[in-house]
Amino acid sequence: MPTNIERKKYTIDASGKILGRLATQVAGLLRGKHKTTFAPNVDGGDIVHIEHVDQIKLTRGKETKKVYYHHSRYPGGLKTTRFDAAFAKNPGWVLRKAVVGMLPKSRIGRRMIQRLVIK
């Protein structure tokens, strides 16, 4: 694994941007896909700071239609949370969840998400 990886710091203003399009941009920067030295088995991505997360938008009225699911692992334990309730409680969680879904589900992906800073 190369030790001379140069990491740039990107600051993104999220005000007025669409959630999914912003998440794909952030996931690409965290993964390092914009670099010529990209390799899927190397954690060569950059550091990303996101500001004004509370001003993110969704398209076509998904604020009330989008639902997040999780299970308590007990019978009948399916829990649901609507987007507007989750966004009102913690807007950074919504963006982080979207980005995590676009990163690899492995040790490398867990290291990549640590370089995401949401203000």
N, C-alpha and C. Protein backbone atom coordinates (compact mmCIF):
# COMPACT_ATOMS: atom_id res chain seq x y z
N MET A 1 0.84 -1.18 0.00
CA MET A 1 0.00 0.00 0.00
C MET A 1 0.88 1.24 0.00
N PRO A 2 0.67 2.15 -0.94
CA PRO A 2 1.54 3.32 -1.01
C PRO A 2 1.35 4.24 0.20
N THR A 3 2.45 4.74 0.71
CA THR A 3 2.39 5.61 1.88
C THR A 3 2.46 7.08 1.50
N ASN A 4 2.73 7.39 0.26
CA ASN A 4 2.86 8.78 -0.16
C ASN A 4 1.60 9.31 -0.83
N ILE A 5 0.46 8.99 -0.28
CA ILE A 5 -0.80 9.47 -0.84
C ILE A 5 -1.01 10.91 -0.42
N GLU A 6 -1.21 11.78 -1.40
CA GLU A 6 -1.47 13.18 -1.11
C GLU A 6 -2.97 13.40 -1.03
N ARG A 7 -3.42 13.93 0.09
CA ARG A 7 -4.85 14.16 0.29
C ARG A 7 -5.12 15.65 0.26
N LYS A 8 -5.99 16.07 -0.64
CA LYS A 8 -6.43 17.45 -0.69
C LYS A 8 -7.63 17.61 0.22
N LYS A 9 -7.91 18.85 0.58
CA LYS A 9 -9.07 19.15 1.41
C LYS A 9 -10.07 19.93 0.55
N TYR A 10 -11.27 19.38 0.40
CA TYR A 10 -12.32 20.03 -0.37
C TYR A 10 -13.39 20.55 0.58
N THR A 11 -13.86 21.76 0.36
CA THR A 11 -14.96 22.33 1.11
C THR A 11 -16.12 22.55 0.14
N ILE A 12 -17.26 21.94 0.46
CA ILE A 12 -18.42 22.01 -0.43
C ILE A 12 -19.55 22.72 0.30
N ASP A 13 -20.16 23.69 -0.39
CA ASP A 13 -21.32 24.38 0.15
C ASP A 13 -22.56 23.65 -0.36
N ALA A 14 -23.32 23.07 0.55
CA ALA A 14 -24.46 22.23 0.17
C ALA A 14 -25.76 23.00 0.03
N SER A 15 -25.74 24.30 0.19
CA SER A 15 -27.00 25.06 0.15
C SER A 15 -27.61 25.01 -1.25
N GLY A 16 -28.86 24.56 -1.31
CA GLY A 16 -29.60 24.50 -2.56
C GLY A 16 -29.28 23.32 -3.44
N LYS A 17 -28.40 22.41 -3.03
CA LYS A 17 -28.05 21.26 -3.86
C LYS A 17 -28.97 20.10 -3.55
N ILE A 18 -29.10 19.19 -4.50
CA ILE A 18 -29.95 18.01 -4.36
C ILE A 18 -29.17 16.92 -3.66
N LEU A 19 -29.82 16.23 -2.73
CA LEU A 19 -29.17 15.26 -1.85
C LEU A 19 -28.39 14.18 -2.61
N GLY A 20 -29.01 13.50 -3.53
CA GLY A 20 -28.36 12.39 -4.22
C GLY A 20 -27.20 12.84 -5.09
N ARG A 21 -27.34 13.96 -5.75
CA ARG A 21 -26.26 14.44 -6.62
C ARG A 21 -25.07 14.91 -5.80
N LEU A 22 -25.34 15.52 -4.66
CA LEU A 22 -24.26 15.92 -3.77
C LEU A 22 -23.57 14.69 -3.19
N ALA A 23 -24.34 13.67 -2.83
CA ALA A 23 -23.78 12.46 -2.24
C ALA A 23 -22.87 11.73 -3.22
N THR A 24 -23.23 11.69 -4.51
CA THR A 24 -22.37 11.02 -5.49
C THR A 24 -21.07 11.79 -5.68
N GLN A 25 -21.15 13.11 -5.66
CA GLN A 25 -19.94 13.92 -5.79
C GLN A 25 -19.01 13.69 -4.60
N VAL A 26 -19.58 13.68 -3.39
CA VAL A 26 -18.78 13.48 -2.18
C VAL A 26 -18.19 12.08 -2.15
N ALA A 27 -18.98 11.06 -2.52
CA ALA A 27 -18.48 9.68 -2.52
C ALA A 27 -17.32 9.52 -3.49
N GLY A 28 -17.40 10.16 -4.64
CA GLY A 28 -16.30 10.09 -5.60
C GLY A 28 -15.03 10.73 -5.08
N LEU A 29 -15.16 11.86 -4.37
CA LEU A 29 -13.99 12.52 -3.80
C LEU A 29 -13.39 11.69 -2.67
N LEU A 30 -14.25 11.11 -1.83
CA LEU A 30 -13.75 10.29 -0.72
C LEU A 30 -13.05 9.03 -1.23
N ARG A 31 -13.55 8.51 -2.32
CA ARG A 31 -12.99 7.28 -2.87
C ARG A 31 -11.74 7.54 -3.70
N GLY A 32 -11.60 8.74 -4.25
CA GLY A 32 -10.42 9.08 -5.05
C GLY A 32 -10.58 8.76 -6.51
N LYS A 33 -11.81 8.66 -6.99
CA LYS A 33 -12.03 8.27 -8.38
C LYS A 33 -11.65 9.36 -9.37
N HIS A 34 -11.45 10.59 -8.90
CA HIS A 34 -11.08 11.70 -9.77
C HIS A 34 -9.57 11.75 -10.01
N LYS A 35 -8.82 10.90 -9.34
CA LYS A 35 -7.36 10.91 -9.46
C LYS A 35 -6.90 9.90 -10.51
N THR A 36 -5.76 10.19 -11.10
CA THR A 36 -5.21 9.26 -12.10
C THR A 36 -4.61 8.03 -11.44
N THR A 37 -4.34 8.10 -10.16
CA THR A 37 -3.76 6.96 -9.44
C THR A 37 -4.82 6.09 -8.77
N PHE A 38 -6.08 6.19 -9.19
CA PHE A 38 -7.16 5.44 -8.55
C PHE A 38 -6.98 3.94 -8.73
N ALA A 39 -7.15 3.23 -7.63
CA ALA A 39 -7.21 1.77 -7.64
C ALA A 39 -8.27 1.38 -6.62
N PRO A 40 -9.13 0.41 -6.95
CA PRO A 40 -10.22 0.09 -6.04
C PRO A 40 -9.78 -0.49 -4.70
N ASN A 41 -8.57 -1.02 -4.63
CA ASN A 41 -8.11 -1.62 -3.38
C ASN A 41 -7.24 -0.68 -2.56
N VAL A 42 -7.12 0.59 -2.97
CA VAL A 42 -6.28 1.56 -2.26
C VAL A 42 -7.17 2.70 -1.78
N ASP A 43 -6.97 3.08 -0.52
CA ASP A 43 -7.72 4.21 0.04
C ASP A 43 -6.97 5.49 -0.29
N GLY A 44 -7.21 6.04 -1.48
CA GLY A 44 -6.47 7.21 -1.94
C GLY A 44 -7.31 8.45 -2.07
N GLY A 45 -8.44 8.50 -1.39
CA GLY A 45 -9.35 9.63 -1.52
C GLY A 45 -8.91 10.85 -0.73
N ASP A 46 -9.71 11.90 -0.81
CA ASP A 46 -9.41 13.18 -0.19
C ASP A 46 -10.31 13.43 1.01
N ILE A 47 -10.05 14.54 1.69
CA ILE A 47 -10.83 14.97 2.84
C ILE A 47 -11.91 15.93 2.35
N VAL A 48 -13.16 15.72 2.80
CA VAL A 48 -14.27 16.54 2.32
C VAL A 48 -14.98 17.16 3.52
N HIS A 49 -15.10 18.49 3.51
CA HIS A 49 -15.86 19.25 4.51
C HIS A 49 -17.10 19.77 3.82
N ILE A 50 -18.26 19.59 4.45
CA ILE A 50 -19.51 20.05 3.86
C ILE A 50 -20.15 21.05 4.81
N GLU A 51 -20.54 22.19 4.26
CA GLU A 51 -21.16 23.25 5.05
C GLU A 51 -22.60 23.45 4.59
N HIS A 52 -23.42 24.00 5.47
CA HIS A 52 -24.83 24.34 5.19
C HIS A 52 -25.64 23.12 4.77
N VAL A 53 -25.50 22.03 5.51
CA VAL A 53 -26.21 20.80 5.19
C VAL A 53 -27.71 20.96 5.42
N ASP A 54 -28.10 21.88 6.28
CA ASP A 54 -29.52 22.07 6.57
C ASP A 54 -30.29 22.71 5.42
N GLN A 55 -29.62 23.04 4.32
CA GLN A 55 -30.28 23.66 3.17
C GLN A 55 -30.32 22.74 1.95
N ILE A 56 -30.15 21.43 2.17
CA ILE A 56 -30.21 20.45 1.08
C ILE A 56 -31.65 20.28 0.64
N LYS A 57 -31.85 19.98 -0.65
CA LYS A 57 -33.19 19.79 -1.20
C LYS A 57 -33.33 18.37 -1.75
N LEU A 58 -34.58 17.97 -1.93
CA LEU A 58 -34.93 16.74 -2.64
C LEU A 58 -35.82 17.11 -3.81
N THR A 59 -35.93 16.19 -4.76
CA THR A 59 -36.76 16.46 -5.94
C THR A 59 -38.11 15.79 -5.82
N ARG A 60 -39.09 16.32 -6.52
CA ARG A 60 -40.43 15.75 -6.71
C ARG A 60 -41.14 15.38 -5.43
N GLY A 61 -41.07 16.20 -4.41
CA GLY A 61 -41.87 15.99 -3.21
C GLY A 61 -41.47 14.80 -2.37
N LYS A 62 -40.22 14.38 -2.46
CA LYS A 62 -39.78 13.22 -1.69
C LYS A 62 -39.62 13.52 -0.20
N GLU A 63 -39.75 14.78 0.19
CA GLU A 63 -39.59 15.12 1.61
C GLU A 63 -40.57 14.34 2.48
N THR A 64 -41.77 14.09 1.97
CA THR A 64 -42.76 13.34 2.75
C THR A 64 -42.87 11.88 2.31
N LYS A 65 -42.35 11.54 1.13
CA LYS A 65 -42.47 10.17 0.62
C LYS A 65 -41.29 9.28 0.98
N LYS A 66 -40.10 9.85 1.11
CA LYS A 66 -38.91 9.05 1.36
C LYS A 66 -38.92 8.54 2.80
N VAL A 67 -38.64 7.24 2.96
CA VAL A 67 -38.70 6.60 4.27
C VAL A 67 -37.42 5.81 4.49
N TYR A 68 -36.85 5.92 5.67
CA TYR A 68 -35.69 5.13 6.08
C TYR A 68 -36.17 3.99 6.96
N TYR A 69 -35.63 2.78 6.71
CA TYR A 69 -36.03 1.60 7.46
C TYR A 69 -34.84 1.06 8.26
N HIS A 70 -35.12 0.53 9.44
CA HIS A 70 -34.15 -0.28 10.17
C HIS A 70 -34.91 -1.28 11.02
N HIS A 71 -34.25 -2.32 11.43
CA HIS A 71 -34.91 -3.40 12.14
C HIS A 71 -34.23 -3.61 13.48
N SER A 72 -35.04 -3.86 14.51
CA SER A 72 -34.51 -4.04 15.85
C SER A 72 -34.02 -5.47 16.10
N ARG A 73 -34.19 -6.35 15.13
CA ARG A 73 -33.83 -7.77 15.19
C ARG A 73 -34.74 -8.58 16.10
N TYR A 74 -35.86 -8.01 16.48
CA TYR A 74 -36.90 -8.74 17.19
C TYR A 74 -38.05 -8.98 16.21
N PRO A 75 -38.85 -10.00 16.42
CA PRO A 75 -39.97 -10.24 15.51
C PRO A 75 -40.91 -9.03 15.47
N GLY A 76 -41.23 -8.59 14.29
CA GLY A 76 -42.10 -7.42 14.12
C GLY A 76 -41.41 -6.12 14.46
N GLY A 77 -40.09 -6.09 14.43
CA GLY A 77 -39.34 -4.92 14.86
C GLY A 77 -38.90 -3.99 13.76
N LEU A 78 -39.64 -3.93 12.65
CA LEU A 78 -39.29 -3.01 11.57
C LEU A 78 -39.67 -1.59 11.97
N LYS A 79 -38.69 -0.69 11.95
CA LYS A 79 -38.92 0.71 12.33
C LYS A 79 -38.81 1.57 11.08
N THR A 80 -39.62 2.60 11.00
CA THR A 80 -39.58 3.51 9.87
C THR A 80 -39.42 4.93 10.37
N THR A 81 -38.71 5.72 9.58
CA THR A 81 -38.52 7.13 9.86
C THR A 81 -38.67 7.89 8.55
N ARG A 82 -39.55 8.86 8.52
CA ARG A 82 -39.71 9.67 7.32
C ARG A 82 -38.55 10.65 7.18
N PHE A 83 -38.29 11.03 5.93
CA PHE A 83 -37.18 11.94 5.65
C PHE A 83 -37.32 13.26 6.39
N ASP A 84 -38.52 13.85 6.37
CA ASP A 84 -38.67 15.16 6.97
C ASP A 84 -38.43 15.13 8.48
N ALA A 85 -38.79 14.05 9.15
CA ALA A 85 -38.53 13.93 10.59
C ALA A 85 -37.04 13.74 10.85
N ALA A 86 -36.39 12.89 10.06
CA ALA A 86 -34.96 12.65 10.25
C ALA A 86 -34.15 13.90 9.92
N PHE A 87 -34.57 14.62 8.88
CA PHE A 87 -33.86 15.83 8.47
C PHE A 87 -34.00 16.94 9.50
N ALA A 88 -35.19 17.03 10.10
CA ALA A 88 -35.38 18.05 11.14
C ALA A 88 -34.56 17.74 12.38
N LYS A 89 -34.40 16.46 12.68
CA LYS A 89 -33.63 16.06 13.87
C LYS A 89 -32.13 16.21 13.65
N ASN A 90 -31.62 15.71 12.50
CA ASN A 90 -30.18 15.75 12.24
C ASN A 90 -29.95 15.72 10.73
N PRO A 91 -29.78 16.88 10.09
CA PRO A 91 -29.58 16.89 8.64
C PRO A 91 -28.28 16.22 8.20
N GLY A 92 -27.28 16.24 9.04
CA GLY A 92 -26.01 15.60 8.69
C GLY A 92 -26.13 14.09 8.58
N TRP A 93 -27.00 13.48 9.38
CA TRP A 93 -27.20 12.03 9.35
C TRP A 93 -27.74 11.60 8.00
N VAL A 94 -28.65 12.40 7.45
CA VAL A 94 -29.27 12.07 6.17
C VAL A 94 -28.22 12.04 5.07
N LEU A 95 -27.37 13.05 5.04
CA LEU A 95 -26.32 13.10 4.01
C LEU A 95 -25.29 11.99 4.23
N ARG A 96 -24.89 11.76 5.46
CA ARG A 96 -23.91 10.71 5.76
C ARG A 96 -24.45 9.34 5.35
N LYS A 97 -25.73 9.08 5.58
CA LYS A 97 -26.34 7.80 5.21
C LYS A 97 -26.34 7.63 3.70
N ALA A 98 -26.60 8.70 2.96
CA ALA A 98 -26.59 8.63 1.51
C ALA A 98 -25.18 8.34 0.98
N VAL A 99 -24.18 8.97 1.59
CA VAL A 99 -22.79 8.77 1.14
C VAL A 99 -22.30 7.37 1.50
N VAL A 100 -22.63 6.89 2.71
CA VAL A 100 -22.20 5.56 3.14
C VAL A 100 -22.74 4.50 2.20
N GLY A 101 -23.96 4.69 1.71
CA GLY A 101 -24.55 3.74 0.77
C GLY A 101 -23.83 3.66 -0.55
N MET A 102 -23.00 4.67 -0.87
CA MET A 102 -22.28 4.71 -2.14
C MET A 102 -20.82 4.30 -2.01
N LEU A 103 -20.36 4.02 -0.81
CA LEU A 103 -18.98 3.62 -0.58
C LEU A 103 -18.90 2.10 -0.43
N PRO A 104 -17.70 1.52 -0.57
CA PRO A 104 -17.57 0.07 -0.39
C PRO A 104 -17.93 -0.35 1.03
N LYS A 105 -18.53 -1.51 1.15
CA LYS A 105 -18.90 -2.05 2.46
C LYS A 105 -17.77 -2.93 2.97
N SER A 106 -16.67 -2.31 3.34
CA SER A 106 -15.49 -3.04 3.79
C SER A 106 -14.66 -2.13 4.69
N ARG A 107 -13.49 -2.60 5.08
CA ARG A 107 -12.60 -1.78 5.92
C ARG A 107 -12.22 -0.49 5.22
N ILE A 108 -12.00 -0.57 3.91
CA ILE A 108 -11.62 0.63 3.17
C ILE A 108 -12.75 1.65 3.20
N GLY A 109 -13.99 1.19 3.03
CA GLY A 109 -15.13 2.10 3.06
C GLY A 109 -15.30 2.76 4.43
N ARG A 110 -15.05 2.01 5.50
CA ARG A 110 -15.16 2.58 6.84
C ARG A 110 -14.07 3.61 7.09
N ARG A 111 -12.90 3.43 6.50
CA ARG A 111 -11.84 4.44 6.61
C ARG A 111 -12.16 5.68 5.78
N MET A 112 -12.80 5.47 4.64
CA MET A 112 -13.14 6.60 3.77
C MET A 112 -14.16 7.52 4.42
N ILE A 113 -15.18 6.96 5.05
CA ILE A 113 -16.24 7.79 5.63
C ILE A 113 -15.72 8.59 6.81
N GLN A 114 -14.62 8.21 7.41
CA GLN A 114 -14.04 8.98 8.51
C GLN A 114 -13.47 10.32 8.04
N ARG A 115 -13.20 10.44 6.75
CA ARG A 115 -12.67 11.69 6.21
C ARG A 115 -13.77 12.65 5.77
N LEU A 116 -15.02 12.31 6.03
CA LEU A 116 -16.15 13.20 5.74
C LEU A 116 -16.47 14.01 6.98
N VAL A 117 -16.39 15.33 6.86
CA VAL A 117 -16.69 16.23 7.98
C VAL A 117 -17.90 17.05 7.60
N ILE A 118 -18.96 16.93 8.40
CA ILE A 118 -20.20 17.66 8.12
C ILE A 118 -20.37 18.71 9.19
N LYS A 119 -20.47 19.97 8.76
CA LYS A 119 -20.60 21.09 9.71
C LYS A 119 -22.01 21.58 9.76
